[in-house]
Amino acid sequence: MSLLSTPNLCLPQKLFKINCLCKKNLFLKSTLFLLLILLNSNLQATTVVPFQNLGEMGQNADAVVVARAIKNYEQEASGVTSFFTDFMIAETISGPFSNGEIMTLRALRKKMGTIERIIAGDIEFKEGETYLLFLVVADNAPYWQPMMLSYGIHQEMTQDGSLFWVPSPGTLEMHTTKTPEGNEPEAPTVFRKNSLTQHLRAVLNSQTTWNAKAASTSVPPESFYPEMMAAPSFCTYLGGDFRWNIFLFRFQSFNRIRNRSFDSLITNR
């Protein structure tokens, strides 16, 4: 099977103070993506220009929901296979959904014969797991899409008997730049589950302004993903009392180093 891996292009929402290139203009985004395919790009990283924080992201979303992934599946049409995930809505923070309703997300990944298009940072969900999702309506309703690929998606996880919203691996692996206003975005953070849900609801109902401290923790997101701190496969065990204890630093430093490389295109919001 041939693999074509490229970054995704989302379009600016406020850049140059022009609204013609907005987050909902998925047609133009798709056109630009097809140009990448025609150029046979081998780029394998995605850089995002994120929102300042989750409060701003929610204010620009068509829906913000807590939902459980119930089924991953494929559908073929005209020789092209697309990939979908069905979710059951557990809680609607904003948007048109009702609790218990089924909602479908479509990945950008495609397969045609022996050629498979893979998007760096595309969505991946585990059946049975619960997620916090910031969504926009896809061009081909009734499907929905996350606002910025995997960026901003949080998974419900447990540590020491407490429930948390943990940034997805895709969020942690993406490159980020400053916002269009020139500000540093808030770093991906582990939040107390109920506190974040309640605070987001209050922000989106204009009852308060965003304050990460209302729900944030000091728990490192990478601590929920041991594989991110594992020694790379090419390392050799040295014996004795030596332990691999540097790879959390290696992982955190990797994105800062890669931000200075030229193997990424910028995904604007």
Protein backbone atom coordinates (compact mmCIF):
# COMPACT_ATOMS: atom_id res chain seq x y z
CA MET A 1 0.00 0.00 0.00
CA SER A 2 1.25 3.45 -0.88
CA LEU A 3 1.01 6.11 1.81
CA LEU A 4 0.79 9.82 1.15
CA SER A 5 1.23 11.73 4.39
CA THR A 6 0.62 15.47 4.41
CA PRO A 7 -0.28 18.23 6.85
CA ASN A 8 -3.77 19.63 6.95
CA LEU A 9 -4.63 23.21 6.01
CA CYS A 10 -7.29 25.01 8.02
CA LEU A 11 -7.94 28.59 7.08
CA PRO A 12 -7.60 31.82 9.05
CA GLN A 13 -10.69 33.04 10.83
CA LYS A 14 -9.51 36.53 11.73
CA LEU A 15 -6.24 36.85 9.84
CA PHE A 16 -5.93 40.16 7.94
CA LYS A 17 -9.35 41.09 9.38
CA ILE A 18 -11.00 39.44 6.39
CA ASN A 19 -13.80 36.97 6.99
CA CYS A 20 -13.72 35.36 3.54
CA LEU A 21 -11.12 32.85 4.75
CA CYS A 22 -12.93 31.49 7.77
CA LYS A 23 -12.91 28.25 9.67
CA LYS A 24 -16.12 27.13 8.00
CA ASN A 25 -14.82 27.55 4.45
CA LEU A 26 -14.04 23.86 4.14
CA PHE A 27 -14.37 23.97 0.35
CA LEU A 28 -11.34 26.22 -0.02
CA LYS A 29 -9.49 24.19 2.59
CA SER A 30 -10.17 21.03 0.60
CA THR A 31 -9.00 22.72 -2.60
CA LEU A 32 -5.70 23.68 -1.00
CA PHE A 33 -5.31 20.16 0.30
CA LEU A 34 -5.77 18.72 -3.19
CA LEU A 35 -3.00 21.02 -4.37
CA LEU A 36 -0.74 19.42 -1.77
CA ILE A 37 -1.53 15.99 -3.17
CA LEU A 38 -0.81 17.15 -6.72
CA LEU A 39 2.54 18.41 -5.50
CA ASN A 40 3.16 14.94 -4.04
CA SER A 41 4.23 16.42 -0.73
CA ASN A 42 6.03 14.18 1.73
CA LEU A 43 5.61 16.54 4.68
CA GLN A 44 4.70 14.69 7.85
CA ALA A 45 3.99 17.33 10.46
CA THR A 46 1.24 19.84 11.11
CA THR A 47 1.63 23.22 12.76
CA VAL A 48 -1.39 25.01 14.19
CA VAL A 49 -2.03 28.62 15.01
CA PRO A 50 -4.25 27.86 17.99
CA PHE A 51 -6.87 29.84 19.80
CA GLN A 52 -5.67 31.69 22.89
CA ASN A 53 -7.40 29.20 25.18
CA LEU A 54 -10.23 26.67 25.36
CA GLY A 55 -12.72 29.41 26.21
CA GLU A 56 -12.03 31.23 22.94
CA MET A 57 -12.05 27.93 21.07
CA GLY A 58 -15.48 27.11 22.49
CA GLN A 59 -16.83 30.53 21.56
CA ASN A 60 -15.88 29.90 17.93
CA ALA A 61 -17.20 26.33 17.80
CA ASP A 62 -20.56 25.26 16.40
CA ALA A 63 -20.85 22.80 19.28
CA VAL A 64 -18.95 21.75 22.40
CA VAL A 65 -19.88 18.32 23.73
CA VAL A 66 -18.88 15.48 26.00
CA ALA A 67 -19.35 12.29 23.99
CA ARG A 68 -18.46 8.60 24.11
CA ALA A 69 -17.00 6.92 21.03
CA ILE A 70 -19.16 3.90 20.30
CA LYS A 71 -18.07 2.72 16.85
CA ASN A 72 -15.23 3.20 14.36
CA TYR A 73 -16.06 2.13 10.81
CA GLU A 74 -15.36 2.62 7.10
CA GLN A 75 -17.63 3.46 4.17
CA GLU A 76 -16.82 3.19 0.47
CA ALA A 77 -18.35 5.38 -2.22
CA SER A 78 -17.17 5.67 -5.84
CA GLY A 79 -14.05 3.70 -5.03
CA VAL A 80 -13.00 5.97 -2.14
CA THR A 81 -13.04 4.68 1.45
CA SER A 82 -13.76 7.20 4.21
CA PHE A 83 -13.36 6.70 7.96
CA PHE A 84 -15.96 7.58 10.58
CA THR A 85 -16.59 7.44 14.32
CA ASP A 86 -20.06 7.41 15.87
CA PHE A 87 -20.46 9.08 19.26
CA MET A 88 -23.22 9.11 21.84
CA ILE A 89 -23.68 12.55 23.36
CA ALA A 90 -23.29 12.44 27.14
CA GLU A 91 -23.47 16.19 27.78
CA THR A 92 -24.00 19.24 25.58
CA ILE A 93 -22.09 22.31 26.71
CA SER A 94 -23.13 24.29 23.62
CA GLY A 95 -24.74 23.47 20.30
CA PRO A 96 -27.80 21.67 18.96
CA PHE A 97 -27.34 18.18 20.44
CA SER A 98 -29.44 16.34 23.01
CA ASN A 99 -28.09 13.87 25.54
CA GLY A 100 -28.20 10.34 24.13
CA GLU A 101 -28.15 11.55 20.53
CA ILE A 102 -25.81 9.86 18.03
CA MET A 103 -23.32 12.15 16.28
CA THR A 104 -20.84 11.17 13.55
CA LEU A 105 -17.34 12.54 12.99
CA ARG A 106 -15.52 11.97 9.71
CA ALA A 107 -11.74 11.76 9.59
CA LEU A 108 -9.81 13.40 6.77
CA ARG A 109 -8.05 10.10 6.06
CA LYS A 110 -9.01 8.52 2.72
CA LYS A 111 -8.16 5.32 0.90
CA MET A 112 -8.47 4.62 -2.83
CA GLY A 113 -7.22 1.25 -4.03
CA THR A 114 -3.65 0.83 -2.82
CA ILE A 115 -3.17 4.54 -2.09
CA GLU A 116 -4.00 5.89 1.35
CA ARG A 117 -4.03 9.56 2.27
CA ILE A 118 -2.91 10.11 5.85
CA ILE A 119 -3.11 13.52 7.51
CA ALA A 120 -0.63 14.39 10.25
CA GLY A 121 -2.69 15.19 13.34
CA ASP A 122 -5.89 13.61 12.02
CA ILE A 123 -8.42 12.35 14.55
CA GLU A 124 -8.23 8.90 16.12
CA PHE A 125 -10.65 7.70 18.77
CA LYS A 126 -10.85 4.57 20.94
CA GLU A 127 -14.21 2.88 21.14
CA GLY A 128 -15.69 3.14 24.62
CA GLU A 129 -13.67 6.21 25.62
CA THR A 130 -15.20 9.60 26.45
CA TYR A 131 -13.98 12.85 24.88
CA LEU A 132 -14.43 16.60 25.15
CA LEU A 133 -14.93 17.83 21.58
CA PHE A 134 -14.94 21.28 19.97
CA LEU A 135 -16.82 20.86 16.68
CA VAL A 136 -17.74 22.57 13.43
CA VAL A 137 -20.29 21.43 10.86
CA ALA A 138 -18.67 19.65 7.92
CA ASP A 139 -19.62 20.67 4.39
CA ASN A 140 -21.39 17.36 3.86
CA ALA A 141 -23.84 17.43 6.77
CA PRO A 142 -24.85 15.56 8.89
CA TYR A 143 -21.17 14.88 9.56
CA TRP A 144 -19.16 16.99 11.98
CA GLN A 145 -15.45 17.67 12.31
CA PRO A 146 -13.18 18.82 15.15
CA MET A 147 -12.15 22.44 14.74
CA MET A 148 -8.40 21.86 14.38
CA LEU A 149 -7.83 18.15 13.72
CA SER A 150 -6.73 16.55 17.01
CA TYR A 151 -5.73 19.84 18.59
CA GLY A 152 -7.95 20.74 21.54
CA ILE A 153 -9.48 17.27 21.91
CA HIS A 154 -9.41 16.00 25.50
CA GLN A 155 -9.96 12.45 26.71
CA GLU A 156 -11.51 11.50 30.03
CA MET A 157 -8.88 9.67 32.07
CA THR A 158 -8.51 8.58 35.70
CA GLN A 159 -5.54 9.00 38.00
CA ASP A 160 -5.55 8.20 41.73
CA GLY A 161 -9.33 7.85 41.70
CA SER A 162 -9.96 11.31 40.17
CA LEU A 163 -11.36 12.14 36.74
CA PHE A 164 -9.45 14.47 34.42
CA TRP A 165 -9.68 15.93 30.94
CA VAL A 166 -6.30 15.10 29.38
CA PRO A 167 -5.09 16.63 26.08
CA SER A 168 -5.06 14.05 23.31
CA PRO A 169 -1.72 12.69 22.04
CA GLY A 170 -2.43 14.54 18.80
CA THR A 171 -2.65 17.82 20.72
CA LEU A 172 0.67 17.18 22.45
CA GLU A 173 2.45 16.21 19.24
CA MET A 174 1.35 19.16 17.14
CA HIS A 175 3.55 22.20 16.61
CA THR A 176 2.08 25.53 17.68
CA THR A 177 2.88 29.15 16.93
CA LYS A 178 1.70 32.39 18.48
CA THR A 179 -1.89 33.45 17.92
CA PRO A 180 -2.65 35.89 15.07
CA GLU A 181 -2.68 38.61 17.73
CA GLY A 182 0.93 37.73 18.61
CA ASN A 183 0.18 36.09 21.97
CA GLU A 184 1.46 32.81 23.32
CA PRO A 185 -1.44 30.34 23.57
CA GLU A 186 -2.12 28.52 26.80
CA ALA A 187 -0.13 25.30 26.94
CA PRO A 188 -2.02 21.97 26.77
CA THR A 189 -3.16 21.33 30.33
CA VAL A 190 -4.72 18.55 32.38
CA PHE A 191 -8.00 19.81 33.86
CA ARG A 192 -10.27 18.50 36.59
CA LYS A 193 -13.13 17.02 34.61
CA ASN A 194 -16.22 18.44 36.30
CA SER A 195 -14.57 21.80 37.00
CA LEU A 196 -13.64 22.33 33.35
CA THR A 197 -17.06 21.29 32.06
CA GLN A 198 -18.83 23.67 34.44
CA HIS A 199 -16.44 26.54 33.74
CA LEU A 200 -16.73 26.12 29.96
CA ARG A 201 -20.52 26.16 30.22
CA ALA A 202 -20.41 29.38 32.24
CA VAL A 203 -17.99 31.00 29.76
CA LEU A 204 -20.08 30.04 26.73
CA ASN A 205 -23.23 31.32 28.44
CA SER A 206 -21.46 34.67 29.06
CA GLN A 207 -21.69 34.19 32.82
CA THR A 208 -17.95 34.58 33.33
CA THR A 209 -14.67 34.99 31.43
CA TRP A 210 -12.15 32.25 30.80
CA ASN A 211 -9.82 31.48 33.71
CA ALA A 212 -7.79 28.29 33.35
CA LYS A 213 -7.04 28.27 37.07
CA ALA A 214 -10.69 27.47 37.73
CA ALA A 215 -10.07 23.91 36.55
CA SER A 216 -6.38 23.37 35.77
CA THR A 217 -3.96 21.04 37.54
CA SER A 218 -0.18 20.76 37.70
CA VAL A 219 -0.24 17.17 36.46
CA PRO A 220 1.92 16.81 33.30
CA PRO A 221 -0.20 15.61 30.35
CA GLU A 222 2.59 13.24 29.28
CA SER A 223 2.27 11.34 32.57
CA PHE A 224 -0.92 9.77 31.18
CA TYR A 225 0.95 8.44 28.15
CA PRO A 226 3.92 6.31 29.29
CA GLU A 227 4.79 5.48 25.69
CA MET A 228 5.72 9.12 25.13
CA MET A 229 8.38 8.89 27.82
CA ALA A 230 9.78 5.52 26.72
CA ALA A 231 13.31 5.13 25.47
CA PRO A 232 13.45 5.21 21.65
CA SER A 233 13.82 1.84 19.96
CA PHE A 234 17.32 2.58 18.73
CA CYS A 235 18.69 3.03 22.28
CA THR A 236 20.73 0.27 23.89
CA TYR A 237 20.29 -0.90 27.47
CA LEU A 238 23.54 -0.14 29.27
CA GLY A 239 23.04 -2.44 32.27
CA GLY A 240 23.62 -1.72 35.95
CA ASP A 241 21.44 0.85 37.68
CA PHE A 242 21.07 3.06 34.62
CA ARG A 243 17.49 4.17 33.95
CA TRP A 244 15.93 6.04 31.07
CA ASN A 245 14.78 9.15 32.89
CA ILE A 246 15.31 11.89 30.31
CA PHE A 247 12.59 11.15 27.78
CA LEU A 248 9.89 13.37 29.23
CA PHE A 249 12.32 16.25 28.66
CA ARG A 250 13.16 14.85 25.23
CA PHE A 251 9.47 14.78 24.28
CA GLN A 252 8.74 18.28 25.58
CA SER A 253 11.80 19.67 23.83
CA PHE A 254 11.12 17.90 20.54
CA ASN A 255 8.28 20.16 19.45
CA ARG A 256 10.25 23.32 20.29
CA ILE A 257 13.14 22.06 18.17
CA ARG A 258 10.90 20.97 15.30
CA ASN A 259 9.19 24.35 15.24
CA ARG A 260 12.38 25.69 13.68
CA SER A 261 12.37 23.10 10.90
CA PHE A 262 10.87 23.38 7.45
CA ASP A 263 8.93 20.11 7.26
CA SER A 264 5.64 21.68 8.37
CA LEU A 265 2.95 23.80 6.88
CA ILE A 266 0.99 26.16 9.10
CA THR A 267 -2.59 25.34 10.00
CA ASN A 268 -4.29 28.66 10.69
CA ARG A 269 -7.57 28.94 12.51
